[in-house]
Amino acid sequence: MIRVFAALLPSATAREHLVHTLRPIYAATTNELRWTDPDNWHVTMAFYGDQPNDAAAVREHLAHAVAGRSAVNVHLSGAGSFEQRTLWLGVGGQVRGVRELMADCQLADVPFNHHRPHLTVARAGRRTREPWALADFTRALSVYRGPEFCVDRVCLMQSHLGEGRGGGPRYEVLEEYPLF
């Protein structure tokens, strides 16, 4: 079995812009937040969980979900948090196209709780003593607007838990589905 999800990947320019923006925030934090690896940054379109090694049903579903869809221009914009535990950046630009694509990528029998396009940048530790930190960083990043980039593919990603930097996940692109 493999653990898979569909994602949109930010451009290298967008990723570098965000790294530069977050650098002073990284410096201001303690170990209360676990920052996500920029190499893993993505906007999750659908989570499929454990699937057979060939993920044939998911691959077929994604091929149909993206068929005939146009590329979209987006940028990372604003910030928020889920339950004061997860710090994320939102998606701006052609968001309607992203949301429609997100809906089409879902499998009916696999629940997905986050229907807002977002990119996770940090998570609070289990025993955080600084619950205010996430709220402060969310406010600070609420005015963020990154450079525009073209999303011209949906990627089927495999998650290798515990194999990334610092014991986090490592993500691998299994297949790309072009948007025209």
C-alpha atoms as a PDB file:
ATOM      1  CA  MET A   1       0.000   0.000   0.000  1.00  0.00           C
ATOM      2  CA  ILE A   2       1.063   3.583  -0.656  1.00  0.00           C
ATOM      3  CA  ARG A   3      -0.229   6.833   0.880  1.00  0.00           C
ATOM      4  CA  VAL A   4      -1.213   9.290  -1.864  1.00  0.00           C
ATOM      5  CA  PHE A   5      -2.773  12.691  -2.473  1.00  0.00           C
ATOM      6  CA  ALA A   6      -3.301  15.138  -5.352  1.00  0.00           C
ATOM      7  CA  ALA A   7      -1.564  18.508  -5.177  1.00  0.00           C
ATOM      8  CA  LEU A   8      -0.690  21.739  -6.939  1.00  0.00           C
ATOM      9  CA  LEU A   9       2.950  22.748  -6.562  1.00  0.00           C
ATOM     10  CA  PRO A  10       4.060  26.381  -6.235  1.00  0.00           C
ATOM     11  CA  SER A  11       6.649  27.645  -8.690  1.00  0.00           C
ATOM     12  CA  ALA A  12      10.284  27.907  -7.599  1.00  0.00           C
ATOM     13  CA  THR A  13       9.931  31.709  -7.630  1.00  0.00           C
ATOM     14  CA  ALA A  14       6.864  31.583  -5.372  1.00  0.00           C
ATOM     15  CA  ARG A  15       8.603  29.158  -3.021  1.00  0.00           C
ATOM     16  CA  GLU A  16      11.747  31.321  -2.764  1.00  0.00           C
ATOM     17  CA  HIS A  17       9.666  34.462  -2.168  1.00  0.00           C
ATOM     18  CA  LEU A  18       7.873  32.747   0.701  1.00  0.00           C
ATOM     19  CA  VAL A  19      11.127  31.395   2.195  1.00  0.00           C
ATOM     20  CA  HIS A  20      12.520  34.947   2.175  1.00  0.00           C
ATOM     21  CA  THR A  21       9.314  36.311   3.757  1.00  0.00           C
ATOM     22  CA  LEU A  22       9.259  33.685   6.512  1.00  0.00           C
ATOM     23  CA  ARG A  23      12.950  34.004   7.421  1.00  0.00           C
ATOM     24  CA  PRO A  24      12.413  36.691  10.131  1.00  0.00           C
ATOM     25  CA  ILE A  25       9.454  34.746  11.536  1.00  0.00           C
ATOM     26  CA  TYR A  26      11.555  31.571  11.760  1.00  0.00           C
ATOM     27  CA  ALA A  27      14.145  33.560  13.699  1.00  0.00           C
ATOM     28  CA  ALA A  28      11.504  34.840  16.140  1.00  0.00           C
ATOM     29  CA  THR A  29      10.084  31.437  17.024  1.00  0.00           C
ATOM     30  CA  THR A  30      11.059  28.915  19.604  1.00  0.00           C
ATOM     31  CA  ASN A  31      10.606  25.194  19.161  1.00  0.00           C
ATOM     32  CA  GLU A  32       6.875  25.679  19.707  1.00  0.00           C
ATOM     33  CA  LEU A  33       6.245  25.506  15.953  1.00  0.00           C
ATOM     34  CA  ARG A  34       7.295  22.794  13.533  1.00  0.00           C
ATOM     35  CA  TRP A  35       7.946  24.448  10.180  1.00  0.00           C
ATOM     36  CA  THR A  36       7.203  22.489   7.037  1.00  0.00           C
ATOM     37  CA  ASP A  37      10.006  21.797   4.586  1.00  0.00           C
ATOM     38  CA  PRO A  38       9.821  24.205   1.602  1.00  0.00           C
ATOM     39  CA  ASP A  39      10.645  21.260  -0.668  1.00  0.00           C
ATOM     40  CA  ASN A  40       7.333  19.732   0.464  1.00  0.00           C
ATOM     41  CA  TRP A  41       5.165  22.835   0.014  1.00  0.00           C
ATOM     42  CA  HIS A  42       2.007  22.135  -1.948  1.00  0.00           C
ATOM     43  CA  VAL A  43      -1.702  22.887  -2.113  1.00  0.00           C
ATOM     44  CA  THR A  44      -3.576  19.657  -1.394  1.00  0.00           C
ATOM     45  CA  MET A  45      -6.369  19.073  -3.893  1.00  0.00           C
ATOM     46  CA  ALA A  46      -7.519  15.717  -2.496  1.00  0.00           C
ATOM     47  CA  PHE A  47      -6.251  13.185   0.016  1.00  0.00           C
ATOM     48  CA  TYR A  48      -6.700   9.524  -0.907  1.00  0.00           C
ATOM     49  CA  GLY A  49      -4.954   7.792   1.998  1.00  0.00           C
ATOM     50  CA  ASP A  50      -3.594   4.282   1.622  1.00  0.00           C
ATOM     51  CA  GLN A  51      -4.080   2.838  -1.848  1.00  0.00           C
ATOM     52  CA  PRO A  52      -2.808  -0.271  -3.669  1.00  0.00           C
ATOM     53  CA  ASN A  53       0.769   0.160  -4.897  1.00  0.00           C
ATOM     54  CA  ASP A  54      -0.308   0.968  -8.461  1.00  0.00           C
ATOM     55  CA  ALA A  55      -3.021   3.435  -7.259  1.00  0.00           C
ATOM     56  CA  ALA A  56      -4.800   2.597 -10.523  1.00  0.00           C
ATOM     57  CA  ALA A  57      -8.231   3.821  -9.423  1.00  0.00           C
ATOM     58  CA  VAL A  58      -6.813   7.151  -8.244  1.00  0.00           C
ATOM     59  CA  ARG A  59      -4.766   7.590 -11.422  1.00  0.00           C
ATOM     60  CA  GLU A  60      -7.830   6.953 -13.578  1.00  0.00           C
ATOM     61  CA  HIS A  61      -9.935   9.307 -11.455  1.00  0.00           C
ATOM     62  CA  LEU A  62      -7.360  12.126 -11.729  1.00  0.00           C
ATOM     63  CA  ALA A  63      -7.011  11.679 -15.478  1.00  0.00           C
ATOM     64  CA  HIS A  64     -10.770  12.207 -15.818  1.00  0.00           C
ATOM     65  CA  ALA A  65     -10.866  15.035 -13.247  1.00  0.00           C
ATOM     66  CA  VAL A  66      -8.351  17.193 -15.135  1.00  0.00           C
ATOM     67  CA  ALA A  67      -9.400  16.299 -18.698  1.00  0.00           C
ATOM     68  CA  GLY A  68     -10.156  19.455 -20.652  1.00  0.00           C
ATOM     69  CA  ARG A  69      -9.328  21.783 -17.745  1.00  0.00           C
ATOM     70  CA  SER A  70      -7.411  24.998 -18.263  1.00  0.00           C
ATOM     71  CA  ALA A  71      -4.313  26.118 -16.419  1.00  0.00           C
ATOM     72  CA  VAL A  72      -4.932  28.749 -13.719  1.00  0.00           C
ATOM     73  CA  ASN A  73      -2.917  31.725 -12.531  1.00  0.00           C
ATOM     74  CA  VAL A  74      -2.671  31.974  -8.756  1.00  0.00           C
ATOM     75  CA  HIS A  75      -0.561  33.466  -5.993  1.00  0.00           C
ATOM     76  CA  LEU A  76      -0.167  32.730  -2.305  1.00  0.00           C
ATOM     77  CA  SER A  77      -2.124  35.321  -0.367  1.00  0.00           C
ATOM     78  CA  GLY A  78      -3.122  35.970   3.222  1.00  0.00           C
ATOM     79  CA  ALA A  79      -2.903  33.533   6.093  1.00  0.00           C
ATOM     80  CA  GLY A  80      -5.010  31.628   8.545  1.00  0.00           C
ATOM     81  CA  SER A  81      -4.959  28.790  11.003  1.00  0.00           C
ATOM     82  CA  PHE A  82      -6.948  25.657  11.566  1.00  0.00           C
ATOM     83  CA  GLU A  83      -7.919  25.233  15.235  1.00  0.00           C
ATOM     84  CA  GLN A  84      -4.930  27.340  16.362  1.00  0.00           C
ATOM     85  CA  ARG A  85      -2.705  24.364  15.461  1.00  0.00           C
ATOM     86  CA  THR A  86      -1.860  24.784  11.756  1.00  0.00           C
ATOM     87  CA  LEU A  87      -0.542  27.957  10.103  1.00  0.00           C
ATOM     88  CA  TRP A  88      -1.328  28.221   6.399  1.00  0.00           C
ATOM     89  CA  LEU A  89      -1.200  30.650   3.493  1.00  0.00           C
ATOM     90  CA  GLY A  90      -4.207  31.038   1.251  1.00  0.00           C
ATOM     91  CA  VAL A  91      -4.470  31.010  -2.513  1.00  0.00           C
ATOM     92  CA  GLY A  92      -5.479  34.079  -4.516  1.00  0.00           C
ATOM     93  CA  GLY A  93      -5.993  34.720  -8.207  1.00  0.00           C
ATOM     94  CA  GLN A  94      -8.166  32.314 -10.189  1.00  0.00           C
ATOM     95  CA  VAL A  95      -9.449  30.656  -7.016  1.00  0.00           C
ATOM     96  CA  ARG A  96     -12.755  29.591  -8.563  1.00  0.00           C
ATOM     97  CA  GLY A  97     -10.873  27.387 -11.024  1.00  0.00           C
ATOM     98  CA  VAL A  98      -8.801  25.913  -8.197  1.00  0.00           C
ATOM     99  CA  ARG A  99     -11.901  25.165  -6.098  1.00  0.00           C
ATOM    100  CA  GLU A 100     -13.678  23.530  -9.032  1.00  0.00           C
ATOM    101  CA  LEU A 101     -10.626  21.409  -9.734  1.00  0.00           C
ATOM    102  CA  MET A 102     -10.353  20.556  -6.038  1.00  0.00           C
ATOM    103  CA  ALA A 103     -13.973  19.367  -6.003  1.00  0.00           C
ATOM    104  CA  ASP A 104     -13.429  17.223  -9.097  1.00  0.00           C
ATOM    105  CA  CYS A 105     -10.290  15.621  -7.630  1.00  0.00           C
ATOM    106  CA  GLN A 106     -12.188  14.328  -4.580  1.00  0.00           C
ATOM    107  CA  LEU A 107     -13.197  10.686  -4.361  1.00  0.00           C
ATOM    108  CA  ALA A 108     -16.717  10.201  -3.026  1.00  0.00           C
ATOM    109  CA  ASP A 109     -15.655   7.515  -0.543  1.00  0.00           C
ATOM    110  CA  VAL A 110     -12.620   9.360   0.896  1.00  0.00           C
ATOM    111  CA  PRO A 111     -13.481  12.252   3.251  1.00  0.00           C
ATOM    112  CA  PHE A 112     -11.465  15.452   2.946  1.00  0.00           C
ATOM    113  CA  ASN A 113     -11.954  18.148   5.579  1.00  0.00           C
ATOM    114  CA  HIS A 114     -10.087  21.150   4.160  1.00  0.00           C
ATOM    115  CA  HIS A 115     -11.972  22.582   1.219  1.00  0.00           C
ATOM    116  CA  ARG A 116     -10.115  25.902   1.328  1.00  0.00           C
ATOM    117  CA  PRO A 117      -7.088  25.935  -0.985  1.00  0.00           C
ATOM    118  CA  HIS A 118      -4.072  26.512   1.247  1.00  0.00           C
ATOM    119  CA  LEU A 119      -0.385  25.792   1.755  1.00  0.00           C
ATOM    120  CA  THR A 120       0.628  24.679   5.269  1.00  0.00           C
ATOM    121  CA  VAL A 121       3.788  26.352   6.579  1.00  0.00           C
ATOM    122  CA  ALA A 122       3.836  25.373  10.287  1.00  0.00           C
ATOM    123  CA  ARG A 123       2.148  23.320  12.977  1.00  0.00           C
ATOM    124  CA  ALA A 124       2.016  23.969  16.709  1.00  0.00           C
ATOM    125  CA  GLY A 125       3.649  21.415  18.960  1.00  0.00           C
ATOM    126  CA  ARG A 126       1.407  19.111  20.957  1.00  0.00           C
ATOM    127  CA  ARG A 127       2.235  20.828  24.230  1.00  0.00           C
ATOM    128  CA  THR A 128       2.697  24.388  23.058  1.00  0.00           C
ATOM    129  CA  ARG A 129       3.079  26.917  25.837  1.00  0.00           C
ATOM    130  CA  GLU A 130       2.689  29.805  23.397  1.00  0.00           C
ATOM    131  CA  PRO A 131      -0.815  29.505  21.879  1.00  0.00           C
ATOM    132  CA  TRP A 132      -0.629  33.204  21.006  1.00  0.00           C
ATOM    133  CA  ALA A 133       2.248  32.578  18.564  1.00  0.00           C
ATOM    134  CA  LEU A 134       0.082  31.147  15.791  1.00  0.00           C
ATOM    135  CA  ALA A 135      -2.423  34.001  16.078  1.00  0.00           C
ATOM    136  CA  ASP A 136       0.386  36.581  15.923  1.00  0.00           C
ATOM    137  CA  PHE A 137       1.991  34.970  12.891  1.00  0.00           C
ATOM    138  CA  THR A 138      -1.394  34.646  11.192  1.00  0.00           C
ATOM    139  CA  ARG A 139      -1.966  38.395  11.659  1.00  0.00           C
ATOM    140  CA  ALA A 140       1.541  39.206  10.456  1.00  0.00           C
ATOM    141  CA  LEU A 141       1.096  37.116   7.295  1.00  0.00           C
ATOM    142  CA  SER A 142      -2.475  38.256   6.602  1.00  0.00           C
ATOM    143  CA  VAL A 143      -1.129  40.930   4.223  1.00  0.00           C
ATOM    144  CA  TYR A 144       1.213  38.550   2.396  1.00  0.00           C
ATOM    145  CA  ARG A 145       0.898  38.351  -1.373  1.00  0.00           C
ATOM    146  CA  GLY A 146       3.396  36.256  -3.262  1.00  0.00           C
ATOM    147  CA  PRO A 147       4.257  36.384  -6.956  1.00  0.00           C
ATOM    148  CA  GLU A 148       1.767  34.995  -9.456  1.00  0.00           C
ATOM    149  CA  PHE A 149       2.480  31.601 -10.980  1.00  0.00           C
ATOM    150  CA  CYS A 150       0.745  29.373 -13.492  1.00  0.00           C
ATOM    151  CA  VAL A 151      -0.612  26.058 -12.266  1.00  0.00           C
ATOM    152  CA  ASP A 152      -0.448  23.894 -15.358  1.00  0.00           C
ATOM    153  CA  ARG A 153      -0.590  20.438 -13.765  1.00  0.00           C
ATOM    154  CA  VAL A 154      -2.019  18.417 -10.922  1.00  0.00           C
ATOM    155  CA  CYS A 155       0.464  16.035  -9.325  1.00  0.00           C
ATOM    156  CA  LEU A 156      -0.245  12.663  -7.799  1.00  0.00           C
ATOM    157  CA  MET A 157       2.028  12.596  -4.763  1.00  0.00           C
ATOM    158  CA  GLN A 158       3.192   9.767  -2.539  1.00  0.00           C
ATOM    159  CA  SER A 159       3.846  10.494   1.122  1.00  0.00           C
ATOM    160  CA  HIS A 160       6.800   8.702   2.743  1.00  0.00           C
ATOM    161  CA  LEU A 161       6.178   9.317   6.446  1.00  0.00           C
ATOM    162  CA  GLY A 162       9.263   9.861   8.607  1.00  0.00           C
ATOM    163  CA  GLU A 163      11.677   9.945   5.642  1.00  0.00           C
ATOM    164  CA  GLY A 164      12.001  13.724   5.257  1.00  0.00           C
ATOM    165  CA  ARG A 165      14.153  16.341   6.955  1.00  0.00           C
ATOM    166  CA  GLY A 166      13.875  16.273  10.717  1.00  0.00           C
ATOM    167  CA  GLY A 167      11.802  13.092  10.658  1.00  0.00           C
ATOM    168  CA  GLY A 168       8.945  14.710   8.740  1.00  0.00           C
ATOM    169  CA  PRO A 169       7.391  13.341   5.570  1.00  0.00           C
ATOM    170  CA  ARG A 170       9.058  13.194   2.184  1.00  0.00           C
ATOM    171  CA  TYR A 171       6.822  13.666  -0.841  1.00  0.00           C
ATOM    172  CA  GLU A 172       7.421  12.124  -4.247  1.00  0.00           C
ATOM    173  CA  VAL A 173       5.681  13.037  -7.499  1.00  0.00           C
ATOM    174  CA  LEU A 174       4.304   9.796  -8.972  1.00  0.00           C
ATOM    175  CA  GLU A 175       2.556  11.281 -11.986  1.00  0.00           C
ATOM    176  CA  GLU A 176       1.661  14.675 -13.454  1.00  0.00           C
ATOM    177  CA  TYR A 177      -1.675  15.483 -15.099  1.00  0.00           C
ATOM    178  CA  PRO A 178      -1.387  18.523 -17.407  1.00  0.00           C
ATOM    179  CA  LEU A 179      -3.882  21.381 -17.502  1.00  0.00           C
ATOM    180  CA  PHE A 180      -4.152  23.183 -20.842  1.00  0.00           C
END
